[in-house]
Amino acid sequence: MATPLQVHSTYTTFASNHGKVWRATPHGQQAVVMRTDTVRGPGRPALSRGRYRHVIALVVTGDAVSLDIDVVRQVFGPRAAAESDVAGQYEVVLCGEQAELAPLNALTTADTVVVPGVENPLTPRSPALIDALRVAYAGGARMVGFGSGVFLLGYAGVLDGRRATTHWKYAREFRELFPSVRLDGDHAFIDDERVHTGGGMLSGVDLALHLLAMDVGRARAEAVGRAVIAAPWRGDARARRADDREPMAPVMAWLREHLHEPLSLAKVAEESFISERSLVRKFRAATGTTIFDWVNRERIDRAKLLLETTDHPVAEIAGMVGFGSPETLRRNFQRHVGTTARSYRHKFRHAAARDARD
């Protein structure tokens, strides 16, 4: 495990227990990186460079969307950590070409690089910024783009051949600029291996918490979600609105209360006092997806919580969240999470127990 040697206002210098060093100064010199073995405790964010904290490089351009910057700092910063047990596991470094920010070469040594939304996604970017994004990607960093900031990942070639999403307002321009990218506008965010992209304005919250859940588990991400948005986080809630005036909010609330039951379009429409055709149209307009894709993700999220916080057998959890059979849970869990339910429980439930003992 890495130990701190010297602390600066923006960077920290570390040495691994093998004597290898990573160092960056606040004066803009080229960072020196000497890779060590991957360091990752169960239920902790990945550490690819021998450090004791996962470093998130947040790209701040002159037209960056301030809300997206605040989201990253809130979700991965000390305020959220104080409300959960992920304190000290992340360091957020603001990087850019302005003098008051860490230099762009800090991107090339980060574990995760986040590009927030930008006001002018069609504006050409400096070669230095695009090159830094390319080097970070080539070096194995997890790459994240929020909304219109996804364009910058496109300019850097990070999205070539991948699925991605972006702000709906710029979908046509995105397709024209990046024909090799498979644009998917039906989801608030898209995971394609280590590249993660988000759609509209508020999807940044969902994507940030989703990344946190991937690192430290759903239960811990829920705690952080409550701390930063003052309400239970609903995971991939698609293009979720910020208040209860959202016309589909009562429908979504009813669905969450009845996830364990068999659900049909006719039943949901009847409970919503709306025709099936209108329900389908309005639900997609409000959330960016179909009712049953949304229900499946909600069921997966509930299964994650039960796996992390209870001893119920997987077969029982399948029934409790509405999948009906262990095989249906297995198929959906593998599709959405990329692992088995048992492996997920071993990773996060046992990690939480060990952390509690420590």
Protein backbone atom coordinates (compact mmCIF):
# COMPACT_ATOMS: atom_id res chain seq x y z
CA MET A 1 0.00 0.00 0.00
CA ALA A 2 1.28 3.43 -0.87
CA THR A 3 2.25 5.85 1.88
CA PRO A 4 2.27 9.65 1.65
CA LEU A 5 5.68 11.34 1.62
CA GLN A 6 4.89 14.98 0.89
CA VAL A 7 1.65 16.91 0.43
CA HIS A 8 1.19 19.93 -1.85
CA SER A 9 -1.92 22.07 -2.36
CA THR A 10 -2.96 20.13 -5.45
CA TYR A 11 -0.81 17.01 -5.64
CA THR A 12 0.57 14.42 -3.31
CA THR A 13 3.84 12.54 -3.75
CA PHE A 14 3.70 8.82 -2.96
CA ALA A 15 6.03 5.86 -2.75
CA SER A 16 4.94 2.24 -2.94
CA ASN A 17 6.15 -0.45 -0.61
CA HIS A 18 8.32 -1.69 -3.48
CA GLY A 19 10.22 1.58 -3.54
CA LYS A 20 8.71 2.77 -6.80
CA VAL A 21 7.64 6.40 -7.00
CA TRP A 22 4.88 8.47 -8.52
CA ARG A 23 5.42 12.21 -8.26
CA ALA A 24 3.80 15.39 -9.56
CA THR A 25 4.45 18.98 -8.46
CA PRO A 26 2.07 21.94 -8.52
CA HIS A 27 4.36 23.86 -10.86
CA GLY A 28 3.49 22.17 -14.12
CA GLN A 29 6.47 19.84 -14.58
CA GLN A 30 5.95 16.58 -16.40
CA ALA A 31 4.70 14.04 -13.89
CA VAL A 32 6.91 11.01 -13.33
CA VAL A 33 5.02 7.75 -13.18
CA MET A 34 6.52 4.40 -12.29
CA ARG A 35 3.80 1.79 -12.35
CA THR A 36 3.40 -0.60 -9.49
CA ASP A 37 1.17 -3.62 -9.07
CA THR A 38 -2.53 -2.84 -9.03
CA VAL A 39 -3.60 -2.06 -5.48
CA ARG A 40 -7.23 -2.67 -4.71
CA GLY A 41 -8.89 -3.79 -1.55
CA PRO A 42 -12.27 -5.50 -1.85
CA GLY A 43 -14.99 -2.87 -2.01
CA ARG A 44 -12.50 -0.10 -2.74
CA PRO A 45 -11.84 1.89 -5.92
CA ALA A 46 -9.15 0.61 -8.24
CA LEU A 47 -5.65 2.00 -7.75
CA SER A 48 -3.52 1.53 -10.82
CA ARG A 49 -0.38 3.43 -9.86
CA GLY A 50 0.58 2.38 -6.36
CA ARG A 51 -1.26 5.18 -4.56
CA TYR A 52 -3.47 4.89 -1.54
CA ARG A 53 -6.24 7.02 -3.10
CA HIS A 54 -8.02 6.77 -6.44
CA VAL A 55 -7.20 9.99 -8.31
CA ILE A 56 -9.97 11.57 -10.41
CA ALA A 57 -8.76 14.18 -12.89
CA LEU A 58 -11.62 16.59 -13.59
CA VAL A 59 -11.11 18.49 -16.85
CA VAL A 60 -12.06 22.15 -16.43
CA THR A 61 -12.34 24.10 -19.69
CA GLY A 62 -13.28 27.77 -19.98
CA ASP A 63 -16.86 26.80 -20.88
CA ALA A 64 -17.28 23.85 -18.53
CA VAL A 65 -20.73 23.37 -16.97
CA SER A 66 -20.27 24.29 -13.32
CA LEU A 67 -23.05 21.97 -12.17
CA ASP A 68 -21.18 18.93 -13.51
CA ILE A 69 -17.99 20.03 -11.76
CA ASP A 70 -19.90 20.36 -8.49
CA VAL A 71 -21.47 16.93 -8.94
CA VAL A 72 -18.06 15.22 -9.16
CA ARG A 73 -16.67 17.15 -6.21
CA GLN A 74 -19.75 16.38 -4.12
CA VAL A 75 -20.02 12.66 -4.96
CA PHE A 76 -16.32 11.87 -4.57
CA GLY A 77 -15.35 14.63 -2.15
CA PRO A 78 -15.14 14.96 1.64
CA ARG A 79 -18.75 16.03 2.22
CA ALA A 80 -20.14 12.78 0.85
CA ALA A 81 -17.38 10.76 2.50
CA ALA A 82 -18.43 12.16 5.87
CA GLU A 83 -21.86 10.57 5.36
CA SER A 84 -20.50 7.16 4.41
CA ASP A 85 -17.44 4.98 4.90
CA VAL A 86 -15.59 5.91 1.70
CA ALA A 87 -13.63 8.69 3.38
CA GLY A 88 -10.15 9.19 1.99
CA GLN A 89 -10.55 6.77 -0.91
CA TYR A 90 -10.69 9.45 -3.63
CA GLU A 91 -8.78 12.58 -4.56
CA VAL A 92 -10.36 14.96 -7.09
CA VAL A 93 -7.86 17.10 -9.00
CA LEU A 94 -9.09 19.98 -11.18
CA CYS A 95 -7.01 20.08 -14.37
CA GLY A 96 -6.91 22.46 -17.28
CA GLU A 97 -5.01 25.08 -19.23
CA GLN A 98 -5.72 27.96 -16.85
CA ALA A 99 -2.92 28.96 -14.50
CA GLU A 100 -4.90 28.26 -11.33
CA LEU A 101 -5.53 24.61 -12.28
CA ALA A 102 -3.34 21.55 -12.23
CA PRO A 103 -1.59 21.08 -15.60
CA LEU A 104 -3.04 18.82 -18.27
CA ASN A 105 -0.33 16.21 -17.81
CA ALA A 106 -2.07 15.32 -14.53
CA LEU A 107 -4.70 13.59 -16.71
CA THR A 108 -2.10 11.13 -17.91
CA THR A 109 -1.44 9.82 -14.39
CA ALA A 110 -5.05 9.72 -13.12
CA ASP A 111 -7.09 6.60 -12.44
CA THR A 112 -10.28 8.22 -13.74
CA VAL A 113 -10.62 11.18 -16.11
CA VAL A 114 -13.94 13.07 -16.09
CA VAL A 115 -14.93 15.60 -18.74
CA PRO A 116 -17.92 17.67 -17.56
CA GLY A 117 -20.41 19.17 -19.97
CA VAL A 118 -19.33 22.18 -22.01
CA GLU A 119 -21.35 25.12 -23.26
CA ASN A 120 -19.93 24.95 -26.78
CA PRO A 121 -19.31 21.31 -27.74
CA LEU A 122 -18.72 22.14 -31.41
CA THR A 123 -15.88 24.55 -30.62
CA PRO A 124 -12.43 23.16 -31.57
CA ARG A 125 -10.27 22.26 -28.58
CA SER A 126 -6.56 22.78 -28.12
CA PRO A 127 -4.21 20.02 -29.35
CA ALA A 128 -2.70 19.88 -25.85
CA LEU A 129 -6.05 18.97 -24.28
CA ILE A 130 -6.93 16.39 -26.92
CA ASP A 131 -3.47 14.83 -26.67
CA ALA A 132 -3.74 14.61 -22.88
CA LEU A 133 -7.06 12.78 -23.19
CA ARG A 134 -5.54 10.38 -25.73
CA VAL A 135 -2.55 9.64 -23.50
CA ALA A 136 -4.79 9.09 -20.45
CA TYR A 137 -6.94 6.66 -22.41
CA ALA A 138 -3.94 4.82 -23.84
CA GLY A 139 -2.51 4.58 -20.33
CA GLY A 140 -5.56 2.69 -19.04
CA ALA A 141 -7.52 5.42 -17.26
CA ARG A 142 -11.27 5.09 -16.83
CA MET A 143 -12.72 7.75 -19.16
CA VAL A 144 -15.97 9.56 -18.33
CA GLY A 145 -17.90 12.23 -20.22
CA PHE A 146 -20.97 14.12 -19.02
CA GLY A 147 -23.50 15.38 -21.57
CA SER A 148 -21.95 17.68 -24.16
CA GLY A 149 -18.51 16.98 -22.70
CA VAL A 150 -18.69 13.61 -24.45
CA PHE A 151 -17.73 15.50 -27.62
CA LEU A 152 -14.23 16.00 -26.21
CA LEU A 153 -13.82 12.24 -25.80
CA GLY A 154 -14.97 11.92 -29.40
CA TYR A 155 -12.38 14.43 -30.62
CA ALA A 156 -9.69 12.41 -28.81
CA GLY A 157 -10.75 9.16 -30.51
CA VAL A 158 -11.71 7.57 -27.20
CA LEU A 159 -15.18 6.64 -28.48
CA ASP A 160 -14.21 5.12 -31.83
CA GLY A 161 -16.14 1.88 -32.32
CA ARG A 162 -17.92 2.21 -28.98
CA ARG A 163 -21.47 2.84 -27.77
CA ALA A 164 -22.01 6.24 -26.23
CA THR A 165 -24.64 8.81 -25.38
CA THR A 166 -24.58 12.60 -25.17
CA HIS A 167 -26.93 15.52 -24.63
CA TRP A 168 -30.00 14.97 -26.82
CA LYS A 169 -29.77 18.55 -28.13
CA TYR A 170 -26.56 17.73 -30.01
CA ALA A 171 -27.39 14.23 -31.24
CA ARG A 172 -27.45 15.16 -34.93
CA GLU A 173 -24.12 16.99 -34.80
CA PHE A 174 -22.60 14.15 -32.80
CA ARG A 175 -23.56 11.57 -35.43
CA GLU A 176 -22.11 13.73 -38.19
CA LEU A 177 -18.81 14.31 -36.38
CA PHE A 178 -18.32 10.77 -35.07
CA PRO A 179 -19.85 8.28 -37.51
CA SER A 180 -17.88 5.37 -36.03
CA VAL A 181 -19.56 5.83 -32.62
CA ARG A 182 -22.82 3.96 -31.96
CA LEU A 183 -24.95 6.72 -30.42
CA ASP A 184 -27.57 5.38 -27.99
CA GLY A 185 -30.05 8.00 -26.87
CA ASP A 186 -32.30 5.64 -24.93
CA HIS A 187 -30.30 5.70 -21.70
CA ALA A 188 -29.16 8.36 -19.27
CA PHE A 189 -25.70 6.83 -19.33
CA ILE A 190 -23.80 4.15 -21.20
CA ASP A 191 -21.04 1.83 -19.97
CA ASP A 192 -18.73 0.49 -22.66
CA GLU A 193 -15.93 -1.28 -20.82
CA ARG A 194 -13.89 1.51 -19.17
CA VAL A 195 -15.54 4.33 -21.13
CA HIS A 196 -18.66 5.84 -19.56
CA THR A 197 -20.84 8.56 -21.09
CA GLY A 198 -23.86 10.45 -19.80
CA GLY A 199 -26.75 12.18 -21.52
CA GLY A 200 -28.75 15.21 -20.40
CA MET A 201 -28.24 17.77 -17.66
CA LEU A 202 -29.08 15.76 -14.54
CA SER A 203 -27.70 12.44 -15.79
CA GLY A 204 -24.31 13.47 -14.37
CA VAL A 205 -25.59 12.75 -10.86
CA ASP A 206 -26.76 9.29 -11.87
CA LEU A 207 -23.54 8.52 -13.73
CA ALA A 208 -21.29 9.70 -10.90
CA LEU A 209 -23.16 7.62 -8.35
CA HIS A 210 -23.17 4.68 -10.75
CA LEU A 211 -19.36 4.86 -10.97
CA LEU A 212 -19.16 5.04 -7.19
CA ALA A 213 -21.39 1.98 -6.90
CA MET A 214 -19.13 0.10 -9.32
CA ASP A 215 -16.17 0.91 -7.05
CA VAL A 216 -17.51 0.51 -3.53
CA GLY A 217 -20.93 -1.11 -3.83
CA ARG A 218 -24.54 -0.07 -4.13
CA ALA A 219 -25.20 0.40 -0.41
CA ARG A 220 -22.33 2.84 0.02
CA ALA A 221 -23.32 4.72 -3.12
CA GLU A 222 -26.86 5.01 -1.73
CA ALA A 223 -25.43 6.63 1.42
CA VAL A 224 -23.48 9.13 -0.65
CA GLY A 225 -26.53 9.75 -2.86
CA ARG A 226 -28.60 10.66 0.18
CA ALA A 227 -25.86 13.02 1.35
CA VAL A 228 -25.44 14.91 -1.90
CA ILE A 229 -28.97 15.02 -3.34
CA ALA A 230 -31.02 14.83 -0.13
CA ALA A 231 -33.14 11.94 -1.41
CA PRO A 232 -32.64 8.22 -2.09
CA TRP A 233 -30.66 7.79 -5.26
CA ARG A 234 -32.57 5.78 -7.85
CA GLY A 235 -29.62 4.56 -9.90
CA ASP A 236 -29.97 4.72 -13.67
CA ALA A 237 -33.20 6.71 -13.48
CA ARG A 238 -32.67 7.80 -17.07
CA ALA A 239 -33.51 11.43 -17.74
CA ARG A 240 -34.88 11.90 -14.22
CA ARG A 241 -36.35 15.30 -13.38
CA ALA A 242 -35.45 17.16 -10.23
CA ASP A 243 -38.87 17.53 -8.63
CA ASP A 244 -42.20 15.83 -8.09
CA ARG A 245 -43.89 17.81 -10.84
CA GLU A 246 -42.47 15.29 -13.30
CA PRO A 247 -45.63 13.71 -14.78
CA MET A 248 -44.25 10.19 -14.56
CA ALA A 249 -43.04 10.50 -10.96
CA PRO A 250 -46.23 8.93 -9.51
CA VAL A 251 -45.98 6.06 -11.99
CA MET A 252 -42.34 5.42 -11.09
CA ALA A 253 -43.16 5.59 -7.38
CA TRP A 254 -45.94 3.02 -7.85
CA LEU A 255 -43.65 0.76 -9.87
CA ARG A 256 -40.98 0.83 -7.14
CA GLU A 257 -43.58 -0.19 -4.56
CA HIS A 258 -44.69 -3.13 -6.72
CA LEU A 259 -41.40 -4.36 -8.20
CA HIS A 260 -41.86 -7.72 -6.50
CA GLU A 261 -45.14 -8.33 -8.35
CA PRO A 262 -45.72 -9.54 -11.92
CA LEU A 263 -46.17 -6.39 -13.99
CA SER A 264 -47.89 -5.93 -17.31
CA LEU A 265 -48.38 -2.84 -19.41
CA ALA A 266 -52.14 -3.15 -18.97
CA LYS A 267 -51.81 -3.26 -15.18
CA VAL A 268 -49.50 -0.25 -15.02
CA ALA A 269 -51.78 1.73 -17.35
CA GLU A 270 -54.82 0.86 -15.26
CA GLU A 271 -53.10 2.00 -12.05
CA SER A 272 -51.92 5.18 -13.79
CA PHE A 273 -55.39 6.06 -15.16
CA ILE A 274 -53.94 6.45 -18.64
CA SER A 275 -54.15 4.51 -21.90
CA GLU A 276 -51.40 2.04 -22.69
CA ARG A 277 -50.38 3.98 -25.79
CA SER A 278 -50.13 7.28 -23.90
CA LEU A 279 -48.27 5.61 -21.05
CA VAL A 280 -45.63 4.19 -23.39
CA ARG A 281 -45.14 7.53 -25.12
CA LYS A 282 -45.05 9.66 -21.97
CA PHE A 283 -42.81 7.28 -20.04
CA ARG A 284 -40.19 7.24 -22.81
CA ALA A 285 -40.37 11.03 -23.13
CA ALA A 286 -39.79 11.42 -19.38
CA THR A 287 -37.15 8.74 -18.82
CA GLY A 288 -35.57 8.02 -22.20
CA THR A 289 -36.37 4.31 -22.04
CA THR A 290 -39.20 1.79 -21.98
CA ILE A 291 -41.16 0.94 -18.86
CA PHE A 292 -39.84 -2.60 -18.67
CA ASP A 293 -36.20 -1.71 -19.30
CA TRP A 294 -36.56 0.79 -16.47
CA VAL A 295 -38.22 -1.81 -14.23
CA ASN A 296 -35.44 -4.31 -14.91
CA ARG A 297 -32.78 -1.80 -13.85
CA GLU A 298 -34.73 -0.94 -10.70
CA ARG A 299 -35.00 -4.63 -9.86
CA ILE A 300 -31.26 -5.08 -10.38
CA ASP A 301 -30.56 -2.10 -8.11
CA ARG A 302 -32.78 -3.57 -5.39
CA ALA A 303 -31.08 -6.93 -5.78
CA LYS A 304 -27.70 -5.26 -5.30
CA LEU A 305 -28.82 -3.74 -2.02
CA LEU A 306 -30.18 -7.05 -0.77
CA LEU A 307 -26.99 -8.87 -1.77
CA GLU A 308 -24.87 -6.32 0.09
CA THR A 309 -26.98 -5.99 3.23
CA THR A 310 -28.77 -9.32 3.85
CA ASP A 311 -28.10 -13.06 4.01
CA HIS A 312 -31.07 -14.01 1.84
CA PRO A 313 -30.20 -16.72 -0.71
CA VAL A 314 -30.01 -15.58 -4.31
CA ALA A 315 -33.10 -17.63 -5.16
CA GLU A 316 -35.12 -15.75 -2.54
CA ILE A 317 -33.80 -12.39 -3.69
CA ALA A 318 -34.91 -13.20 -7.23
CA GLY A 319 -38.48 -13.49 -5.97
CA MET A 320 -38.23 -10.49 -3.66
CA VAL A 321 -37.29 -8.14 -6.50
CA GLY A 322 -39.78 -9.52 -9.01
CA PHE A 323 -37.61 -11.63 -11.30
CA GLY A 324 -39.50 -14.78 -10.40
CA SER A 325 -36.68 -17.26 -10.90
CA PRO A 326 -32.95 -17.39 -10.13
CA GLU A 327 -32.26 -17.90 -13.83
CA THR A 328 -34.03 -14.65 -14.76
CA LEU A 329 -32.07 -12.81 -12.07
CA ARG A 330 -28.83 -14.41 -13.26
CA ARG A 331 -29.41 -13.43 -16.88
CA ASN A 332 -30.34 -9.83 -16.09
CA PHE A 333 -27.62 -9.40 -13.47
CA GLN A 334 -24.94 -10.61 -15.87
CA ARG A 335 -26.25 -8.32 -18.58
CA HIS A 336 -26.42 -5.15 -16.49
CA VAL A 337 -23.64 -5.67 -13.93
CA GLY A 338 -21.22 -7.87 -15.83
CA THR A 339 -20.82 -10.44 -13.07
CA THR A 340 -22.86 -12.99 -11.14
CA ALA A 341 -24.99 -12.16 -8.12
CA ARG A 342 -22.86 -14.42 -5.90
CA SER A 343 -19.64 -12.77 -7.05
CA TYR A 344 -21.15 -9.35 -6.43
CA ARG A 345 -22.15 -10.34 -2.89
CA HIS A 346 -18.70 -11.75 -2.16
CA LYS A 347 -17.03 -8.58 -3.39
CA PHE A 348 -19.09 -5.98 -1.54
CA ARG A 349 -20.82 -7.66 1.39
CA HIS A 350 -17.70 -9.38 2.67
CA ALA A 351 -15.65 -6.23 2.07
CA ALA A 352 -18.06 -4.17 4.16
CA ALA A 353 -17.87 -6.73 6.98
CA ARG A 354 -14.07 -6.64 6.93
CA ASP A 355 -14.05 -2.85 6.94
CA ALA A 356 -16.41 -2.83 9.92
CA ARG A 357 -14.10 -5.16 11.83
CA ASP A 358 -11.12 -2.96 10.99
